[in-house]
Amino acid sequence: MQEPEDDLETKMRTISLAISLISLGLMGFGLADVLLHGASLSLPGMAALSPLILKTGQIPLGLAAMSAGIVLLSLLPIVRVLLALSLYVQSRQLLNLLVALLVFIELLVSARIGT
């Protein structure tokens, strides 16, 4: 039987590749769209999930695509910890489960404080 850690790495490699390629595609499309429509590339810009973007609802397609790609990439650590939690529950590894749960709580607190 395969160890949970090996199973985690195998599944996470596949998930990371898929999410990374989708994110790259979205960001590439968004950048091309922004450049084709003559937008300025000056910095700093709005954050990917800034309240202004979410409230107005009138974000250009290119910026929406780039923001979606950035948000997808930022979700990878959370996906990894959730996958680890799932595998540790299935294999009944209590210590690893508690550590993964602690990391998950820390990620949630960090995400909440960062917004």
N, C-alpha and C. Protein backbone atom coordinates (compact mmCIF):
# COMPACT_ATOMS: atom_id res chain seq x y z
N MET A 1 0.84 -1.19 0.00
CA MET A 1 0.00 0.00 0.00
C MET A 1 0.88 1.24 0.00
N GLN A 2 0.46 2.25 -0.74
CA GLN A 2 1.24 3.47 -0.85
C GLN A 2 1.08 4.31 0.42
N GLU A 3 2.18 4.92 0.87
CA GLU A 3 2.15 5.77 2.06
C GLU A 3 1.32 7.02 1.78
N PRO A 4 0.63 7.57 2.80
CA PRO A 4 -0.16 8.78 2.60
C PRO A 4 0.67 9.96 2.08
N GLU A 5 1.93 10.06 2.52
CA GLU A 5 2.78 11.16 2.07
C GLU A 5 3.08 11.04 0.57
N ASP A 6 3.32 9.81 0.10
CA ASP A 6 3.57 9.60 -1.32
C ASP A 6 2.31 9.88 -2.13
N ASP A 7 1.17 9.43 -1.60
CA ASP A 7 -0.11 9.67 -2.25
C ASP A 7 -0.40 11.17 -2.32
N LEU A 8 -0.09 11.87 -1.23
CA LEU A 8 -0.27 13.32 -1.20
C LEU A 8 0.56 14.00 -2.27
N GLU A 9 1.82 13.62 -2.38
CA GLU A 9 2.70 14.24 -3.37
C GLU A 9 2.25 13.95 -4.79
N THR A 10 1.81 12.73 -5.03
CA THR A 10 1.34 12.35 -6.37
C THR A 10 0.11 13.15 -6.77
N LYS A 11 -0.86 13.21 -5.87
CA LYS A 11 -2.09 13.96 -6.16
C LYS A 11 -1.81 15.45 -6.26
N MET A 12 -0.96 15.96 -5.37
CA MET A 12 -0.69 17.39 -5.36
C MET A 12 0.08 17.82 -6.60
N ARG A 13 0.95 16.97 -7.10
CA ARG A 13 1.70 17.29 -8.32
C ARG A 13 0.72 17.48 -9.49
N THR A 14 -0.25 16.59 -9.60
CA THR A 14 -1.25 16.69 -10.66
C THR A 14 -2.10 17.94 -10.50
N ILE A 15 -2.58 18.19 -9.28
CA ILE A 15 -3.42 19.36 -9.01
C ILE A 15 -2.63 20.65 -9.24
N SER A 16 -1.40 20.70 -8.76
CA SER A 16 -0.57 21.90 -8.93
C SER A 16 -0.32 22.20 -10.40
N LEU A 17 -0.03 21.18 -11.17
CA LEU A 17 0.21 21.37 -12.60
C LEU A 17 -1.04 21.92 -13.28
N ALA A 18 -2.20 21.33 -12.99
CA ALA A 18 -3.44 21.77 -13.62
C ALA A 18 -3.77 23.21 -13.24
N ILE A 19 -3.71 23.52 -11.95
CA ILE A 19 -4.04 24.88 -11.50
C ILE A 19 -3.03 25.88 -12.04
N SER A 20 -1.75 25.52 -12.05
CA SER A 20 -0.72 26.43 -12.55
C SER A 20 -0.91 26.72 -14.04
N LEU A 21 -1.22 25.70 -14.82
CA LEU A 21 -1.43 25.91 -16.25
C LEU A 21 -2.68 26.75 -16.52
N ILE A 22 -3.75 26.51 -15.78
CA ILE A 22 -4.96 27.32 -15.94
C ILE A 22 -4.67 28.77 -15.54
N SER A 23 -3.97 28.95 -14.42
CA SER A 23 -3.62 30.30 -13.96
C SER A 23 -2.74 31.02 -14.96
N LEU A 24 -1.74 30.33 -15.47
CA LEU A 24 -0.86 30.91 -16.47
C LEU A 24 -1.63 31.32 -17.72
N GLY A 25 -2.54 30.46 -18.16
CA GLY A 25 -3.37 30.79 -19.31
C GLY A 25 -4.23 32.02 -19.07
N LEU A 26 -4.86 32.08 -17.89
CA LEU A 26 -5.69 33.24 -17.56
C LEU A 26 -4.87 34.53 -17.50
N MET A 27 -3.70 34.45 -16.85
CA MET A 27 -2.87 35.65 -16.73
C MET A 27 -2.31 36.07 -18.08
N GLY A 28 -1.92 35.10 -18.92
CA GLY A 28 -1.43 35.42 -20.26
C GLY A 28 -2.51 36.05 -21.11
N PHE A 29 -3.72 35.48 -21.07
CA PHE A 29 -4.84 36.05 -21.80
C PHE A 29 -5.13 37.46 -21.31
N GLY A 30 -5.16 37.62 -19.98
CA GLY A 30 -5.44 38.94 -19.41
C GLY A 30 -4.41 39.98 -19.80
N LEU A 31 -3.14 39.60 -19.76
CA LEU A 31 -2.08 40.53 -20.14
C LEU A 31 -2.19 40.91 -21.61
N ALA A 32 -2.44 39.92 -22.46
CA ALA A 32 -2.58 40.21 -23.90
C ALA A 32 -3.77 41.14 -24.13
N ASP A 33 -4.88 40.89 -23.43
CA ASP A 33 -6.06 41.73 -23.59
C ASP A 33 -5.79 43.16 -23.13
N VAL A 34 -5.12 43.29 -21.98
CA VAL A 34 -4.79 44.62 -21.47
C VAL A 34 -3.87 45.35 -22.43
N LEU A 35 -2.86 44.67 -22.95
CA LEU A 35 -1.92 45.30 -23.88
C LEU A 35 -2.59 45.68 -25.19
N LEU A 36 -3.47 44.84 -25.69
CA LEU A 36 -4.15 45.12 -26.95
C LEU A 36 -5.11 46.31 -26.84
N HIS A 37 -5.62 46.55 -25.66
CA HIS A 37 -6.53 47.67 -25.47
C HIS A 37 -5.82 48.92 -24.98
N GLY A 38 -4.51 48.93 -25.04
CA GLY A 38 -3.73 50.13 -24.75
C GLY A 38 -3.69 50.56 -23.30
N ALA A 39 -3.84 49.63 -22.39
CA ALA A 39 -3.79 49.99 -20.97
C ALA A 39 -2.36 50.27 -20.55
N SER A 40 -2.24 51.11 -19.56
CA SER A 40 -0.94 51.45 -19.01
C SER A 40 -0.46 50.33 -18.10
N LEU A 41 0.83 50.05 -18.12
CA LEU A 41 1.39 49.03 -17.24
C LEU A 41 2.08 49.63 -16.03
N SER A 42 1.63 50.79 -15.60
CA SER A 42 2.26 51.45 -14.46
C SER A 42 1.89 50.72 -13.17
N LEU A 43 2.78 50.81 -12.22
CA LEU A 43 2.56 50.21 -10.90
C LEU A 43 2.48 51.32 -9.88
N PRO A 44 1.84 51.18 -8.77
CA PRO A 44 1.08 50.02 -8.34
C PRO A 44 -0.32 50.02 -8.93
N GLY A 45 -0.87 48.85 -9.04
CA GLY A 45 -2.24 48.69 -9.53
C GLY A 45 -3.13 48.21 -8.41
N MET A 46 -4.35 47.88 -8.77
CA MET A 46 -5.30 47.38 -7.77
C MET A 46 -4.95 45.93 -7.42
N ALA A 47 -5.25 45.56 -6.21
CA ALA A 47 -5.04 44.17 -5.77
C ALA A 47 -6.00 43.25 -6.51
N ALA A 48 -5.67 41.98 -6.56
CA ALA A 48 -6.48 41.01 -7.30
C ALA A 48 -7.92 40.96 -6.78
N LEU A 49 -8.10 41.10 -5.50
CA LEU A 49 -9.45 41.07 -4.93
C LEU A 49 -9.76 42.36 -4.17
N SER A 50 -9.37 43.48 -4.71
CA SER A 50 -9.60 44.74 -4.01
C SER A 50 -11.10 44.99 -3.88
N PRO A 51 -11.51 45.64 -2.78
CA PRO A 51 -12.93 45.95 -2.60
C PRO A 51 -13.50 46.79 -3.74
N LEU A 52 -12.68 47.65 -4.32
CA LEU A 52 -13.14 48.49 -5.43
C LEU A 52 -13.55 47.63 -6.62
N ILE A 53 -12.75 46.63 -6.94
CA ILE A 53 -13.06 45.74 -8.07
C ILE A 53 -14.35 44.97 -7.78
N LEU A 54 -14.47 44.46 -6.57
CA LEU A 54 -15.62 43.64 -6.22
C LEU A 54 -16.90 44.45 -6.15
N LYS A 55 -16.83 45.71 -5.73
CA LYS A 55 -18.02 46.54 -5.59
C LYS A 55 -18.51 47.06 -6.93
N THR A 56 -17.60 47.50 -7.77
CA THR A 56 -18.03 48.12 -9.03
C THR A 56 -18.59 47.09 -10.00
N GLY A 57 -18.00 45.92 -10.04
CA GLY A 57 -18.48 44.89 -10.94
C GLY A 57 -18.21 45.20 -12.41
N GLN A 58 -17.52 46.29 -12.68
CA GLN A 58 -17.25 46.68 -14.06
C GLN A 58 -15.75 46.63 -14.32
N ILE A 59 -15.20 45.49 -14.13
CA ILE A 59 -13.78 45.30 -14.34
C ILE A 59 -13.56 44.82 -15.78
N PRO A 60 -12.57 45.37 -16.46
CA PRO A 60 -12.28 44.90 -17.83
C PRO A 60 -11.94 43.41 -17.84
N LEU A 61 -12.27 42.76 -18.95
CA LEU A 61 -12.06 41.31 -19.08
C LEU A 61 -10.61 40.91 -18.81
N GLY A 62 -9.65 41.66 -19.33
CA GLY A 62 -8.25 41.33 -19.13
C GLY A 62 -7.84 41.36 -17.67
N LEU A 63 -8.28 42.39 -16.96
CA LEU A 63 -7.95 42.47 -15.53
C LEU A 63 -8.65 41.39 -14.73
N ALA A 64 -9.88 41.06 -15.13
CA ALA A 64 -10.60 39.98 -14.44
C ALA A 64 -9.89 38.64 -14.64
N ALA A 65 -9.41 38.39 -15.84
CA ALA A 65 -8.70 37.14 -16.12
C ALA A 65 -7.39 37.07 -15.34
N MET A 66 -6.64 38.18 -15.33
CA MET A 66 -5.39 38.18 -14.56
C MET A 66 -5.66 37.99 -13.08
N SER A 67 -6.68 38.65 -12.55
CA SER A 67 -7.03 38.51 -11.14
C SER A 67 -7.44 37.08 -10.81
N ALA A 68 -8.20 36.46 -11.70
CA ALA A 68 -8.62 35.07 -11.47
C ALA A 68 -7.40 34.14 -11.45
N GLY A 69 -6.44 34.37 -12.34
CA GLY A 69 -5.22 33.56 -12.34
C GLY A 69 -4.42 33.72 -11.06
N ILE A 70 -4.32 34.94 -10.59
CA ILE A 70 -3.59 35.19 -9.34
C ILE A 70 -4.28 34.53 -8.16
N VAL A 71 -5.60 34.65 -8.11
CA VAL A 71 -6.35 34.05 -7.00
C VAL A 71 -6.23 32.52 -7.03
N LEU A 72 -6.29 31.93 -8.22
CA LEU A 72 -6.11 30.47 -8.32
C LEU A 72 -4.76 30.03 -7.78
N LEU A 73 -3.71 30.75 -8.14
CA LEU A 73 -2.38 30.40 -7.63
C LEU A 73 -2.29 30.54 -6.12
N SER A 74 -2.96 31.56 -5.59
CA SER A 74 -2.90 31.77 -4.15
C SER A 74 -3.67 30.70 -3.37
N LEU A 75 -4.56 29.98 -4.04
CA LEU A 75 -5.32 28.93 -3.37
C LEU A 75 -4.58 27.61 -3.28
N LEU A 76 -3.46 27.47 -3.98
CA LEU A 76 -2.72 26.20 -3.96
C LEU A 76 -2.32 25.72 -2.56
N PRO A 77 -1.80 26.59 -1.69
CA PRO A 77 -1.45 26.10 -0.34
C PRO A 77 -2.66 25.57 0.43
N ILE A 78 -3.80 26.22 0.27
CA ILE A 78 -5.01 25.77 0.97
C ILE A 78 -5.46 24.42 0.42
N VAL A 79 -5.39 24.26 -0.90
CA VAL A 79 -5.76 22.97 -1.51
C VAL A 79 -4.84 21.86 -1.00
N ARG A 80 -3.56 22.16 -0.91
CA ARG A 80 -2.60 21.16 -0.44
C ARG A 80 -2.90 20.72 1.00
N VAL A 81 -3.20 21.67 1.86
CA VAL A 81 -3.49 21.34 3.26
C VAL A 81 -4.80 20.56 3.36
N LEU A 82 -5.81 20.95 2.58
CA LEU A 82 -7.08 20.21 2.61
C LEU A 82 -6.89 18.78 2.11
N LEU A 83 -6.09 18.61 1.09
CA LEU A 83 -5.79 17.26 0.59
C LEU A 83 -5.06 16.45 1.65
N ALA A 84 -4.10 17.06 2.33
CA ALA A 84 -3.38 16.38 3.40
C ALA A 84 -4.33 15.98 4.52
N LEU A 85 -5.22 16.90 4.90
CA LEU A 85 -6.19 16.57 5.95
C LEU A 85 -7.02 15.35 5.55
N SER A 86 -7.47 15.34 4.32
CA SER A 86 -8.28 14.23 3.83
C SER A 86 -7.52 12.90 3.90
N LEU A 87 -6.28 12.92 3.43
CA LEU A 87 -5.48 11.69 3.43
C LEU A 87 -5.14 11.22 4.85
N TYR A 88 -4.88 12.16 5.75
CA TYR A 88 -4.55 11.77 7.12
C TYR A 88 -5.77 11.25 7.88
N VAL A 89 -6.95 11.76 7.54
CA VAL A 89 -8.18 11.22 8.14
C VAL A 89 -8.38 9.79 7.66
N GLN A 90 -8.19 9.55 6.36
CA GLN A 90 -8.37 8.22 5.80
C GLN A 90 -7.38 7.21 6.39
N SER A 91 -6.14 7.66 6.61
CA SER A 91 -5.12 6.73 7.13
C SER A 91 -5.05 6.73 8.66
N ARG A 92 -5.88 7.55 9.30
CA ARG A 92 -5.97 7.62 10.76
C ARG A 92 -4.63 7.95 11.42
N GLN A 93 -3.92 8.90 10.84
CA GLN A 93 -2.65 9.36 11.43
C GLN A 93 -2.95 10.63 12.25
N LEU A 94 -3.20 10.43 13.53
CA LEU A 94 -3.68 11.50 14.39
C LEU A 94 -2.70 12.67 14.50
N LEU A 95 -1.42 12.39 14.71
CA LEU A 95 -0.45 13.47 14.86
C LEU A 95 -0.36 14.32 13.59
N ASN A 96 -0.25 13.66 12.44
CA ASN A 96 -0.19 14.39 11.18
C ASN A 96 -1.48 15.15 10.92
N LEU A 97 -2.60 14.56 11.30
CA LEU A 97 -3.89 15.22 11.14
C LEU A 97 -3.95 16.51 11.97
N LEU A 98 -3.49 16.44 13.21
CA LEU A 98 -3.50 17.62 14.08
C LEU A 98 -2.58 18.72 13.55
N VAL A 99 -1.42 18.33 13.05
CA VAL A 99 -0.49 19.32 12.48
C VAL A 99 -1.11 19.97 11.24
N ALA A 100 -1.71 19.16 10.37
CA ALA A 100 -2.35 19.71 9.16
C ALA A 100 -3.52 20.61 9.52
N LEU A 101 -4.26 20.24 10.54
CA LEU A 101 -5.38 21.07 11.00
C LEU A 101 -4.88 22.40 11.54
N LEU A 102 -3.79 22.37 12.29
CA LEU A 102 -3.19 23.60 12.80
C LEU A 102 -2.71 24.50 11.66
N VAL A 103 -2.09 23.91 10.66
CA VAL A 103 -1.63 24.69 9.50
C VAL A 103 -2.82 25.28 8.77
N PHE A 104 -3.90 24.51 8.62
CA PHE A 104 -5.09 25.00 7.93
C PHE A 104 -5.69 26.19 8.68
N ILE A 105 -5.78 26.08 10.00
CA ILE A 105 -6.30 27.20 10.81
C ILE A 105 -5.41 28.43 10.65
N GLU A 106 -4.10 28.22 10.65
CA GLU A 106 -3.16 29.34 10.48
C GLU A 106 -3.35 30.00 9.11
N LEU A 107 -3.57 29.21 8.07
CA LEU A 107 -3.81 29.76 6.74
C LEU A 107 -5.09 30.59 6.71
N LEU A 108 -6.14 30.08 7.35
CA LEU A 108 -7.40 30.83 7.39
C LEU A 108 -7.26 32.14 8.16
N VAL A 109 -6.56 32.09 9.27
CA VAL A 109 -6.34 33.31 10.06
C VAL A 109 -5.50 34.30 9.25
N SER A 110 -4.46 33.81 8.59
CA SER A 110 -3.62 34.69 7.78
C SER A 110 -4.41 35.32 6.64
N ALA A 111 -5.25 34.54 6.00
CA ALA A 111 -6.07 35.08 4.90
C ALA A 111 -7.04 36.13 5.42
N ARG A 112 -7.59 35.89 6.59
CA ARG A 112 -8.54 36.85 7.16
C ARG A 112 -7.84 38.13 7.59
N ILE A 113 -6.68 38.01 8.18
CA ILE A 113 -5.95 39.20 8.63
C ILE A 113 -5.44 39.99 7.44
N GLY A 114 -5.07 39.29 6.38
CA GLY A 114 -4.52 39.95 5.19
C GLY A 114 -5.52 40.72 4.37
N THR A 115 -6.83 40.52 4.61
CA THR A 115 -7.84 41.23 3.81
C THR A 115 -8.28 42.48 4.48
